[in-house]
């Protein structure tokens, strides 16, 4: 995800400074014209706007507030755009910490997967300071096609979790329906042709059919990320006493896939888990 967004910023004429905990990935971006930094702090010292794409809440907190983190190098007025999907309470806490130091944190999770990141067509859901959003909107527009400012800190993450609740359930429902359809003799190409013009259609359905047809589960949004997202949904729903039975059921299926050694595979692999 991060590499796709960074490449679009480079194509847009921005000077891009990158840091990655995996040196090989940073080296790849250098080939496209990015400048490689040795730490988040070093990035922050050179950039007015910093974009994060990280796997979970803990990593975001460490990269921003930890040793040699962004907070140690951010200049007054700098903006951190976090495109990760994390717990809204963590986003709110980090925003408060940076505000006290004179900079800004926009929780800006994205939807659209690696394909959308590469194409620059992501949907971006933004929460945080309105003026910081206006100042950094030009960067968001290079990474996404549909950009929504939703209000105070945490608002972007709350909307993303609503989206992920649907996506998680969609994947399981589509995988189960695919098993039924093919099991009773419906051809995969006919299923795609008909459902893609019917009420059962969705971007998730089309992605699923594309991946299953190709047999390539190595790319795309991973099962472990859905486990992380639905776990956050479950935690919030239990705290707020809001029943989320379908999201919990979907989490159980994705967790089974992850525990079975398939954590890094595309979410569409859930169909293979249901078969087992």
C-alpha atoms as a PDB file:
ATOM      1  CA  UNK A   1       0.000   0.000   0.000  1.00  0.00           C
ATOM      2  CA  UNK A   2       2.676   2.476   1.024  1.00  0.00           C
ATOM      3  CA  UNK A   3       4.801   1.962  -2.068  1.00  0.00           C
ATOM      4  CA  UNK A   4       1.841   2.576  -4.368  1.00  0.00           C
ATOM      5  CA  UNK A   5       0.979   5.825  -2.613  1.00  0.00           C
ATOM      6  CA  UNK A   6       4.618   6.956  -2.597  1.00  0.00           C
ATOM      7  CA  UNK A   7       4.971   6.309  -6.315  1.00  0.00           C
ATOM      8  CA  UNK A   8       1.920   8.428  -7.054  1.00  0.00           C
ATOM      9  CA  UNK A   9       3.388  11.262  -5.023  1.00  0.00           C
ATOM     10  CA  UNK A  10       6.613  10.960  -7.013  1.00  0.00           C
ATOM     11  CA  UNK A  11       4.631  11.004 -10.264  1.00  0.00           C
ATOM     12  CA  UNK A  12       2.867  14.109  -8.977  1.00  0.00           C
ATOM     13  CA  UNK A  13       6.163  15.956  -8.726  1.00  0.00           C
ATOM     14  CA  UNK A  14       6.677  15.776  -4.963  1.00  0.00           C
ATOM     15  CA  UNK A  15      10.033  15.189  -3.337  1.00  0.00           C
ATOM     16  CA  UNK A  16       9.451  12.001  -1.374  1.00  0.00           C
ATOM     17  CA  UNK A  17      11.553  10.888   1.588  1.00  0.00           C
ATOM     18  CA  UNK A  18      10.938   7.319   2.685  1.00  0.00           C
ATOM     19  CA  UNK A  19      11.757   5.149   5.644  1.00  0.00           C
ATOM     20  CA  UNK A  20      10.884   1.483   5.920  1.00  0.00           C
ATOM     21  CA  UNK A  21      11.777  -1.022   8.585  1.00  0.00           C
ATOM     22  CA  UNK A  22      12.583  -3.395   5.698  1.00  0.00           C
ATOM     23  CA  UNK A  23      15.663  -1.908   3.935  1.00  0.00           C
ATOM     24  CA  UNK A  24      14.897  -3.792   0.706  1.00  0.00           C
ATOM     25  CA  UNK A  25      11.567  -2.009   0.334  1.00  0.00           C
ATOM     26  CA  UNK A  26      13.186   1.364   0.924  1.00  0.00           C
ATOM     27  CA  UNK A  27      15.811   0.507  -1.708  1.00  0.00           C
ATOM     28  CA  UNK A  28      13.038  -0.248  -4.195  1.00  0.00           C
ATOM     29  CA  UNK A  29      11.578   3.225  -3.685  1.00  0.00           C
ATOM     30  CA  UNK A  30      15.014   4.788  -4.170  1.00  0.00           C
ATOM     31  CA  UNK A  31      15.028   3.360  -7.694  1.00  0.00           C
ATOM     32  CA  UNK A  32      11.902   5.402  -8.420  1.00  0.00           C
ATOM     33  CA  UNK A  33      13.511   8.618  -7.199  1.00  0.00           C
ATOM     34  CA  UNK A  34      12.729   8.678  -3.485  1.00  0.00           C
ATOM     35  CA  UNK A  35      15.252   9.754  -0.859  1.00  0.00           C
ATOM     36  CA  UNK A  36      15.877   7.130   1.824  1.00  0.00           C
ATOM     37  CA  UNK A  37      15.960   8.164   5.502  1.00  0.00           C
ATOM     38  CA  UNK A  38      17.372   6.040   8.302  1.00  0.00           C
ATOM     39  CA  UNK A  39      14.623   6.715  10.844  1.00  0.00           C
ATOM     40  CA  UNK A  40      11.177   8.284  11.220  1.00  0.00           C
ATOM     41  CA  UNK A  41      12.824  11.162  13.057  1.00  0.00           C
ATOM     42  CA  UNK A  42      15.017  11.837  10.019  1.00  0.00           C
ATOM     43  CA  UNK A  43      11.958  11.877   7.776  1.00  0.00           C
ATOM     44  CA  UNK A  44      10.198  14.348  10.059  1.00  0.00           C
ATOM     45  CA  UNK A  45      13.141  16.749  10.075  1.00  0.00           C
ATOM     46  CA  UNK A  46      12.964  17.044   6.282  1.00  0.00           C
ATOM     47  CA  UNK A  47       9.218  16.987   5.560  1.00  0.00           C
ATOM     48  CA  UNK A  48       6.288  19.282   6.292  1.00  0.00           C
ATOM     49  CA  UNK A  49       3.786  16.520   5.566  1.00  0.00           C
ATOM     50  CA  UNK A  50       4.434  12.908   6.580  1.00  0.00           C
ATOM     51  CA  UNK A  51       2.355   9.960   5.351  1.00  0.00           C
ATOM     52  CA  UNK A  52       2.208   6.701   7.316  1.00  0.00           C
ATOM     53  CA  UNK A  53       1.112   3.270   6.100  1.00  0.00           C
ATOM     54  CA  UNK A  54       1.568   0.781   8.934  1.00  0.00           C
ATOM     55  CA  UNK A  55       0.021  -2.524  10.051  1.00  0.00           C
ATOM     56  CA  UNK A  56      -1.457  -1.785  13.486  1.00  0.00           C
ATOM     57  CA  UNK A  57      -2.049   0.624  16.362  1.00  0.00           C
ATOM     58  CA  UNK A  58       1.075  -0.347  18.278  1.00  0.00           C
ATOM     59  CA  UNK A  59       3.361   0.249  15.314  1.00  0.00           C
ATOM     60  CA  UNK A  60       1.814   3.636  14.579  1.00  0.00           C
ATOM     61  CA  UNK A  61       2.279   4.734  18.204  1.00  0.00           C
ATOM     62  CA  UNK A  62       5.911   3.591  18.180  1.00  0.00           C
ATOM     63  CA  UNK A  63       6.745   5.246  14.862  1.00  0.00           C
ATOM     64  CA  UNK A  64       5.185   8.530  15.936  1.00  0.00           C
ATOM     65  CA  UNK A  65       5.999   8.723  19.647  1.00  0.00           C
ATOM     66  CA  UNK A  66       8.804   6.196  20.198  1.00  0.00           C
ATOM     67  CA  UNK A  67      12.574   6.587  20.258  1.00  0.00           C
ATOM     68  CA  UNK A  68      13.781   8.301  17.076  1.00  0.00           C
ATOM     69  CA  UNK A  69      10.132   8.596  16.134  1.00  0.00           C
ATOM     70  CA  UNK A  70       8.449  11.343  14.163  1.00  0.00           C
ATOM     71  CA  UNK A  71       7.664  13.443  17.240  1.00  0.00           C
ATOM     72  CA  UNK A  72      11.377  13.935  17.872  1.00  0.00           C
ATOM     73  CA  UNK A  73      11.855  15.571  14.477  1.00  0.00           C
ATOM     74  CA  UNK A  74       8.565  17.217  13.531  1.00  0.00           C
ATOM     75  CA  UNK A  75       8.658  20.953  12.999  1.00  0.00           C
ATOM     76  CA  UNK A  76       5.932  23.187  14.381  1.00  0.00           C
ATOM     77  CA  UNK A  77       2.902  23.067  12.111  1.00  0.00           C
ATOM     78  CA  UNK A  78       3.874  19.811  10.401  1.00  0.00           C
ATOM     79  CA  UNK A  79       1.099  17.365   9.503  1.00  0.00           C
ATOM     80  CA  UNK A  80       1.166  13.583   9.899  1.00  0.00           C
ATOM     81  CA  UNK A  81      -1.303  11.733   7.664  1.00  0.00           C
ATOM     82  CA  UNK A  82      -1.864   8.207   8.928  1.00  0.00           C
ATOM     83  CA  UNK A  83      -3.418   5.952   6.272  1.00  0.00           C
ATOM     84  CA  UNK A  84      -3.242   2.894   8.545  1.00  0.00           C
ATOM     85  CA  UNK A  85      -6.365   1.316  10.040  1.00  0.00           C
ATOM     86  CA  UNK A  86      -6.027   1.523  13.823  1.00  0.00           C
ATOM     87  CA  UNK A  87      -8.112   1.809  16.975  1.00  0.00           C
ATOM     88  CA  UNK A  88      -9.835   5.241  17.019  1.00  0.00           C
ATOM     89  CA  UNK A  89      -8.818   5.799  20.654  1.00  0.00           C
ATOM     90  CA  UNK A  90      -5.161   5.423  19.705  1.00  0.00           C
ATOM     91  CA  UNK A  91      -5.594   7.931  16.862  1.00  0.00           C
ATOM     92  CA  UNK A  92      -7.188  10.407  19.252  1.00  0.00           C
ATOM     93  CA  UNK A  93      -4.396   9.962  21.807  1.00  0.00           C
ATOM     94  CA  UNK A  94      -1.637  10.462  19.223  1.00  0.00           C
ATOM     95  CA  UNK A  95      -3.403  13.536  17.820  1.00  0.00           C
ATOM     96  CA  UNK A  96      -3.510  15.005  21.316  1.00  0.00           C
ATOM     97  CA  UNK A  97       0.187  14.315  21.913  1.00  0.00           C
ATOM     98  CA  UNK A  98       1.239  15.960  18.655  1.00  0.00           C
ATOM     99  CA  UNK A  99      -1.084  18.933  19.142  1.00  0.00           C
ATOM    100  CA  UNK A 100       0.615  19.592  22.487  1.00  0.00           C
ATOM    101  CA  UNK A 101       3.934  19.719  20.593  1.00  0.00           C
ATOM    102  CA  UNK A 102       2.640  22.059  17.893  1.00  0.00           C
ATOM    103  CA  UNK A 103       1.964  19.625  15.029  1.00  0.00           C
ATOM    104  CA  UNK A 104      -1.040  17.745  13.666  1.00  0.00           C
ATOM    105  CA  UNK A 105      -2.169  14.140  13.193  1.00  0.00           C
ATOM    106  CA  UNK A 106      -4.872  13.245  10.672  1.00  0.00           C
ATOM    107  CA  UNK A 107      -6.293   9.744  10.927  1.00  0.00           C
ATOM    108  CA  UNK A 108      -6.814   9.002   7.231  1.00  0.00           C
ATOM    109  CA  UNK A 109      -7.454   5.286   6.669  1.00  0.00           C
ATOM    110  CA  UNK A 110      -7.940   4.166   3.094  1.00  0.00           C
ATOM    111  CA  UNK A 111     -10.041   1.659   1.196  1.00  0.00           C
ATOM    112  CA  UNK A 112      -9.325   0.207  -2.220  1.00  0.00           C
ATOM    113  CA  UNK A 113      -6.526  -2.250  -1.547  1.00  0.00           C
ATOM    114  CA  UNK A 114      -3.116  -2.396  -3.222  1.00  0.00           C
ATOM    115  CA  UNK A 115      -4.788  -1.971  -6.620  1.00  0.00           C
ATOM    116  CA  UNK A 116      -6.294   1.348  -5.550  1.00  0.00           C
ATOM    117  CA  UNK A 117      -3.024   2.489  -3.982  1.00  0.00           C
ATOM    118  CA  UNK A 118      -1.186   1.782  -7.216  1.00  0.00           C
ATOM    119  CA  UNK A 119      -3.820   3.456  -9.405  1.00  0.00           C
ATOM    120  CA  UNK A 120      -4.284   6.464  -7.108  1.00  0.00           C
ATOM    121  CA  UNK A 121      -8.010   5.731  -6.761  1.00  0.00           C
ATOM    122  CA  UNK A 122      -8.246   5.082  -3.023  1.00  0.00           C
ATOM    123  CA  UNK A 123     -11.118   6.238  -0.864  1.00  0.00           C
ATOM    124  CA  UNK A 124      -9.665   8.226   2.039  1.00  0.00           C
ATOM    125  CA  UNK A 125     -11.572   8.920   5.274  1.00  0.00           C
ATOM    126  CA  UNK A 126     -10.119  11.796   7.271  1.00  0.00           C
ATOM    127  CA  UNK A 127     -10.489  12.861  10.879  1.00  0.00           C
ATOM    128  CA  UNK A 128      -8.603  15.650  12.629  1.00  0.00           C
ATOM    129  CA  UNK A 129      -7.924  19.371  12.529  1.00  0.00           C
ATOM    130  CA  UNK A 130      -9.849  20.998   9.670  1.00  0.00           C
ATOM    131  CA  UNK A 131      -7.134  23.513   8.793  1.00  0.00           C
ATOM    132  CA  UNK A 132      -4.477  20.786   8.760  1.00  0.00           C
ATOM    133  CA  UNK A 133      -6.723  18.824   6.405  1.00  0.00           C
ATOM    134  CA  UNK A 134      -7.078  21.791   4.040  1.00  0.00           C
ATOM    135  CA  UNK A 135      -3.313  22.334   4.044  1.00  0.00           C
ATOM    136  CA  UNK A 136      -2.571  18.726   3.182  1.00  0.00           C
ATOM    137  CA  UNK A 137      -5.510  17.936   0.875  1.00  0.00           C
ATOM    138  CA  UNK A 138      -3.317  18.333  -2.208  1.00  0.00           C
ATOM    139  CA  UNK A 139      -1.250  15.353  -1.019  1.00  0.00           C
ATOM    140  CA  UNK A 140      -4.335  13.239  -0.374  1.00  0.00           C
ATOM    141  CA  UNK A 141      -5.596  14.034  -3.873  1.00  0.00           C
ATOM    142  CA  UNK A 142      -2.497  12.457  -5.400  1.00  0.00           C
ATOM    143  CA  UNK A 143      -3.189   9.208  -3.527  1.00  0.00           C
ATOM    144  CA  UNK A 144      -6.959   8.937  -3.698  1.00  0.00           C
ATOM    145  CA  UNK A 145      -9.980   9.643  -5.848  1.00  0.00           C
ATOM    146  CA  UNK A 146     -12.690   9.982  -3.187  1.00  0.00           C
ATOM    147  CA  UNK A 147     -11.641  11.982  -0.125  1.00  0.00           C
ATOM    148  CA  UNK A 148     -13.987  12.616   2.792  1.00  0.00           C
ATOM    149  CA  UNK A 149     -13.341  14.961   5.692  1.00  0.00           C
ATOM    150  CA  UNK A 150     -15.457  13.575   8.536  1.00  0.00           C
ATOM    151  CA  UNK A 151     -14.674  15.780  11.518  1.00  0.00           C
ATOM    152  CA  UNK A 152     -12.644  15.522  14.711  1.00  0.00           C
ATOM    153  CA  UNK A 153      -9.790  13.114  15.417  1.00  0.00           C
ATOM    154  CA  UNK A 154     -10.881   9.496  15.314  1.00  0.00           C
ATOM    155  CA  UNK A 155     -13.712  10.118  12.846  1.00  0.00           C
ATOM    156  CA  UNK A 156     -11.766   8.648   9.939  1.00  0.00           C
ATOM    157  CA  UNK A 157     -10.988   5.468  11.847  1.00  0.00           C
ATOM    158  CA  UNK A 158     -14.578   5.052  13.008  1.00  0.00           C
ATOM    159  CA  UNK A 159     -15.794   5.240   9.423  1.00  0.00           C
ATOM    160  CA  UNK A 160     -13.127   2.784   8.254  1.00  0.00           C
ATOM    161  CA  UNK A 161     -14.184   0.262  10.887  1.00  0.00           C
ATOM    162  CA  UNK A 162     -17.764   0.518   9.649  1.00  0.00           C
ATOM    163  CA  UNK A 163     -16.444  -0.203   6.166  1.00  0.00           C
ATOM    164  CA  UNK A 164     -14.355  -3.130   7.368  1.00  0.00           C
ATOM    165  CA  UNK A 165     -17.312  -4.638   9.208  1.00  0.00           C
ATOM    166  CA  UNK A 166     -19.100  -4.811   5.868  1.00  0.00           C
ATOM    167  CA  UNK A 167     -16.056  -5.996   3.915  1.00  0.00           C
ATOM    168  CA  UNK A 168     -15.330  -8.816   6.348  1.00  0.00           C
ATOM    169  CA  UNK A 169     -18.902 -10.084   6.183  1.00  0.00           C
ATOM    170  CA  UNK A 170     -18.959  -9.649   2.386  1.00  0.00           C
ATOM    171  CA  UNK A 171     -15.900 -11.826   1.882  1.00  0.00           C
ATOM    172  CA  UNK A 172     -17.317 -14.672   3.951  1.00  0.00           C
ATOM    173  CA  UNK A 173     -20.760 -14.423   2.336  1.00  0.00           C
ATOM    174  CA  UNK A 174     -19.264 -14.319  -1.167  1.00  0.00           C
ATOM    175  CA  UNK A 175     -16.966 -17.269  -0.465  1.00  0.00           C
ATOM    176  CA  UNK A 176     -19.871 -19.307   0.866  1.00  0.00           C
ATOM    177  CA  UNK A 177     -22.073 -18.383  -2.088  1.00  0.00           C
ATOM    178  CA  UNK A 178     -19.274 -19.245  -4.522  1.00  0.00           C
ATOM    179  CA  UNK A 179     -19.062 -22.714  -2.965  1.00  0.00           C
ATOM    180  CA  UNK A 180     -22.812 -23.158  -3.331  1.00  0.00           C
ATOM    181  CA  UNK A 181     -22.953 -21.921  -6.913  1.00  0.00           C
ATOM    182  CA  UNK A 182     -20.041 -23.980  -8.212  1.00  0.00           C
ATOM    183  CA  UNK A 183     -21.181 -26.952  -6.168  1.00  0.00           C
ATOM    184  CA  UNK A 184     -24.526 -27.064  -7.997  1.00  0.00           C
ATOM    185  CA  UNK A 185     -22.981 -26.603 -11.410  1.00  0.00           C
ATOM    186  CA  UNK A 186     -22.926 -22.846 -12.015  1.00  0.00           C
ATOM    187  CA  UNK A 187     -19.880 -21.859 -14.052  1.00  0.00           C
ATOM    188  CA  UNK A 188     -17.593 -19.256 -12.498  1.00  0.00           C
ATOM    189  CA  UNK A 189     -17.664 -17.062 -15.599  1.00  0.00           C
ATOM    190  CA  UNK A 190     -21.477 -17.125 -15.618  1.00  0.00           C
ATOM    191  CA  UNK A 191     -21.599 -16.264 -11.925  1.00  0.00           C
ATOM    192  CA  UNK A 192     -19.402 -13.218 -12.539  1.00  0.00           C
ATOM    193  CA  UNK A 193     -21.321 -12.172 -15.664  1.00  0.00           C
ATOM    194  CA  UNK A 194     -24.722 -12.269 -13.978  1.00  0.00           C
ATOM    195  CA  UNK A 195     -23.970 -11.135 -10.421  1.00  0.00           C
ATOM    196  CA  UNK A 196     -21.892  -8.178 -11.647  1.00  0.00           C
ATOM    197  CA  UNK A 197     -25.123  -6.735 -13.113  1.00  0.00           C
ATOM    198  CA  UNK A 198     -27.348  -7.700 -10.174  1.00  0.00           C
ATOM    199  CA  UNK A 199     -27.953  -6.577  -6.604  1.00  0.00           C
ATOM    200  CA  UNK A 200     -25.390  -9.076  -5.353  1.00  0.00           C
ATOM    201  CA  UNK A 201     -22.585  -7.146  -7.046  1.00  0.00           C
ATOM    202  CA  UNK A 202     -19.888  -5.255  -5.138  1.00  0.00           C
ATOM    203  CA  UNK A 203     -16.214  -4.337  -5.577  1.00  0.00           C
ATOM    204  CA  UNK A 204     -15.459  -7.126  -3.085  1.00  0.00           C
ATOM    205  CA  UNK A 205     -17.330  -9.663  -5.238  1.00  0.00           C
ATOM    206  CA  UNK A 206     -15.441  -8.644  -8.373  1.00  0.00           C
ATOM    207  CA  UNK A 207     -12.115  -8.721  -6.547  1.00  0.00           C
ATOM    208  CA  UNK A 208     -12.896 -12.158  -5.136  1.00  0.00           C
ATOM    209  CA  UNK A 209     -13.801 -13.575  -8.548  1.00  0.00           C
ATOM    210  CA  UNK A 210     -10.683 -12.093 -10.136  1.00  0.00           C
ATOM    211  CA  UNK A 211      -8.384 -13.582  -7.498  1.00  0.00           C
ATOM    212  CA  UNK A 212     -10.059 -16.995  -7.456  1.00  0.00           C
ATOM    213  CA  UNK A 213      -9.890 -17.204 -11.248  1.00  0.00           C
ATOM    214  CA  UNK A 214      -6.185 -16.294 -11.293  1.00  0.00           C
ATOM    215  CA  UNK A 215      -5.324 -18.602  -8.388  1.00  0.00           C
ATOM    216  CA  UNK A 216      -2.862 -15.957  -7.194  1.00  0.00           C
ATOM    217  CA  UNK A 217      -3.489 -15.236  -3.513  1.00  0.00           C
ATOM    218  CA  UNK A 218      -0.096 -13.621  -2.898  1.00  0.00           C
ATOM    219  CA  UNK A 219      -1.118 -10.033  -3.653  1.00  0.00           C
ATOM    220  CA  UNK A 220      -3.956  -7.926  -2.308  1.00  0.00           C
ATOM    221  CA  UNK A 221      -5.101  -7.060   1.205  1.00  0.00           C
ATOM    222  CA  UNK A 222      -4.104  -9.805   3.609  1.00  0.00           C
ATOM    223  CA  UNK A 223      -6.098 -12.018   5.944  1.00  0.00           C
ATOM    224  CA  UNK A 224      -4.044 -10.834   8.930  1.00  0.00           C
ATOM    225  CA  UNK A 225      -5.145  -7.246   8.320  1.00  0.00           C
ATOM    226  CA  UNK A 226      -8.794  -8.272   8.352  1.00  0.00           C
ATOM    227  CA  UNK A 227      -8.224 -10.179  11.588  1.00  0.00           C
ATOM    228  CA  UNK A 228      -6.747  -7.002  13.058  1.00  0.00           C
ATOM    229  CA  UNK A 229      -9.584  -4.790  11.820  1.00  0.00           C
ATOM    230  CA  UNK A 230     -12.414  -7.084  12.900  1.00  0.00           C
ATOM    231  CA  UNK A 231     -10.739  -7.542  16.286  1.00  0.00           C
ATOM    232  CA  UNK A 232     -10.930  -3.779  16.784  1.00  0.00           C
ATOM    233  CA  UNK A 233     -14.579  -3.847  15.703  1.00  0.00           C
ATOM    234  CA  UNK A 234     -15.300  -6.628  18.184  1.00  0.00           C
ATOM    235  CA  UNK A 235     -13.577  -4.789  21.028  1.00  0.00           C
ATOM    236  CA  UNK A 236     -15.487  -1.570  20.397  1.00  0.00           C
ATOM    237  CA  UNK A 237     -18.820  -3.349  19.933  1.00  0.00           C
ATOM    238  CA  UNK A 238     -18.390  -5.187  23.227  1.00  0.00           C
ATOM    239  CA  UNK A 239     -17.386  -2.008  25.037  1.00  0.00           C
ATOM    240  CA  UNK A 240     -20.373  -0.132  23.633  1.00  0.00           C
ATOM    241  CA  UNK A 241     -22.679  -3.169  24.079  1.00  0.00           C
ATOM    242  CA  UNK A 242     -23.644  -3.156  20.393  1.00  0.00           C
ATOM    243  CA  UNK A 243     -24.272  -6.692  19.062  1.00  0.00           C
ATOM    244  CA  UNK A 244     -22.174  -7.513  15.975  1.00  0.00           C
ATOM    245  CA  UNK A 245     -22.896 -11.202  15.431  1.00  0.00           C
ATOM    246  CA  UNK A 246     -22.013 -11.337  11.727  1.00  0.00           C
ATOM    247  CA  UNK A 247     -18.755  -9.422  12.190  1.00  0.00           C
ATOM    248  CA  UNK A 248     -17.801 -11.783  15.021  1.00  0.00           C
ATOM    249  CA  UNK A 249     -18.605 -14.820  12.882  1.00  0.00           C
ATOM    250  CA  UNK A 250     -16.518 -13.418  10.039  1.00  0.00           C
ATOM    251  CA  UNK A 251     -13.654 -12.768  12.453  1.00  0.00           C
ATOM    252  CA  UNK A 252     -13.763 -16.403  13.536  1.00  0.00           C
ATOM    253  CA  UNK A 253     -13.403 -17.564   9.915  1.00  0.00           C
ATOM    254  CA  UNK A 254     -10.557 -15.166   9.174  1.00  0.00           C
ATOM    255  CA  UNK A 255      -8.811 -16.092  12.419  1.00  0.00           C
ATOM    256  CA  UNK A 256      -9.045 -19.767  11.474  1.00  0.00           C
ATOM    257  CA  UNK A 257      -7.418 -18.942   8.128  1.00  0.00           C
ATOM    258  CA  UNK A 258      -4.685 -16.941   9.833  1.00  0.00           C
ATOM    259  CA  UNK A 259      -3.993 -19.619  12.443  1.00  0.00           C
ATOM    260  CA  UNK A 260      -3.843 -22.170   9.627  1.00  0.00           C
ATOM    261  CA  UNK A 261      -0.779 -20.487   8.139  1.00  0.00           C
ATOM    262  CA  UNK A 262      -2.529 -18.280   5.583  1.00  0.00           C
ATOM    263  CA  UNK A 263      -2.216 -14.894   7.327  1.00  0.00           C
ATOM    264  CA  UNK A 264      -0.318 -13.211   4.492  1.00  0.00           C
ATOM    265  CA  UNK A 265      -2.624 -14.363   1.696  1.00  0.00           C
ATOM    266  CA  UNK A 266      -5.361 -12.332   0.026  1.00  0.00           C
ATOM    267  CA  UNK A 267      -8.660 -12.266   1.881  1.00  0.00           C
ATOM    268  CA  UNK A 268     -10.254 -14.199  -0.987  1.00  0.00           C
ATOM    269  CA  UNK A 269      -8.437 -17.282   0.313  1.00  0.00           C
ATOM    270  CA  UNK A 270     -11.203 -17.507   2.902  1.00  0.00           C
ATOM    271  CA  UNK A 271     -13.045 -19.633   0.329  1.00  0.00           C
ATOM    272  CA  UNK A 272     -10.417 -22.354   0.711  1.00  0.00           C
ATOM    273  CA  UNK A 273     -10.813 -22.256   4.488  1.00  0.00           C
ATOM    274  CA  UNK A 274     -14.576 -22.681   4.236  1.00  0.00           C
ATOM    275  CA  UNK A 275     -13.994 -25.705   2.011  1.00  0.00           C
ATOM    276  CA  UNK A 276     -11.950 -27.304   4.775  1.00  0.00           C
END
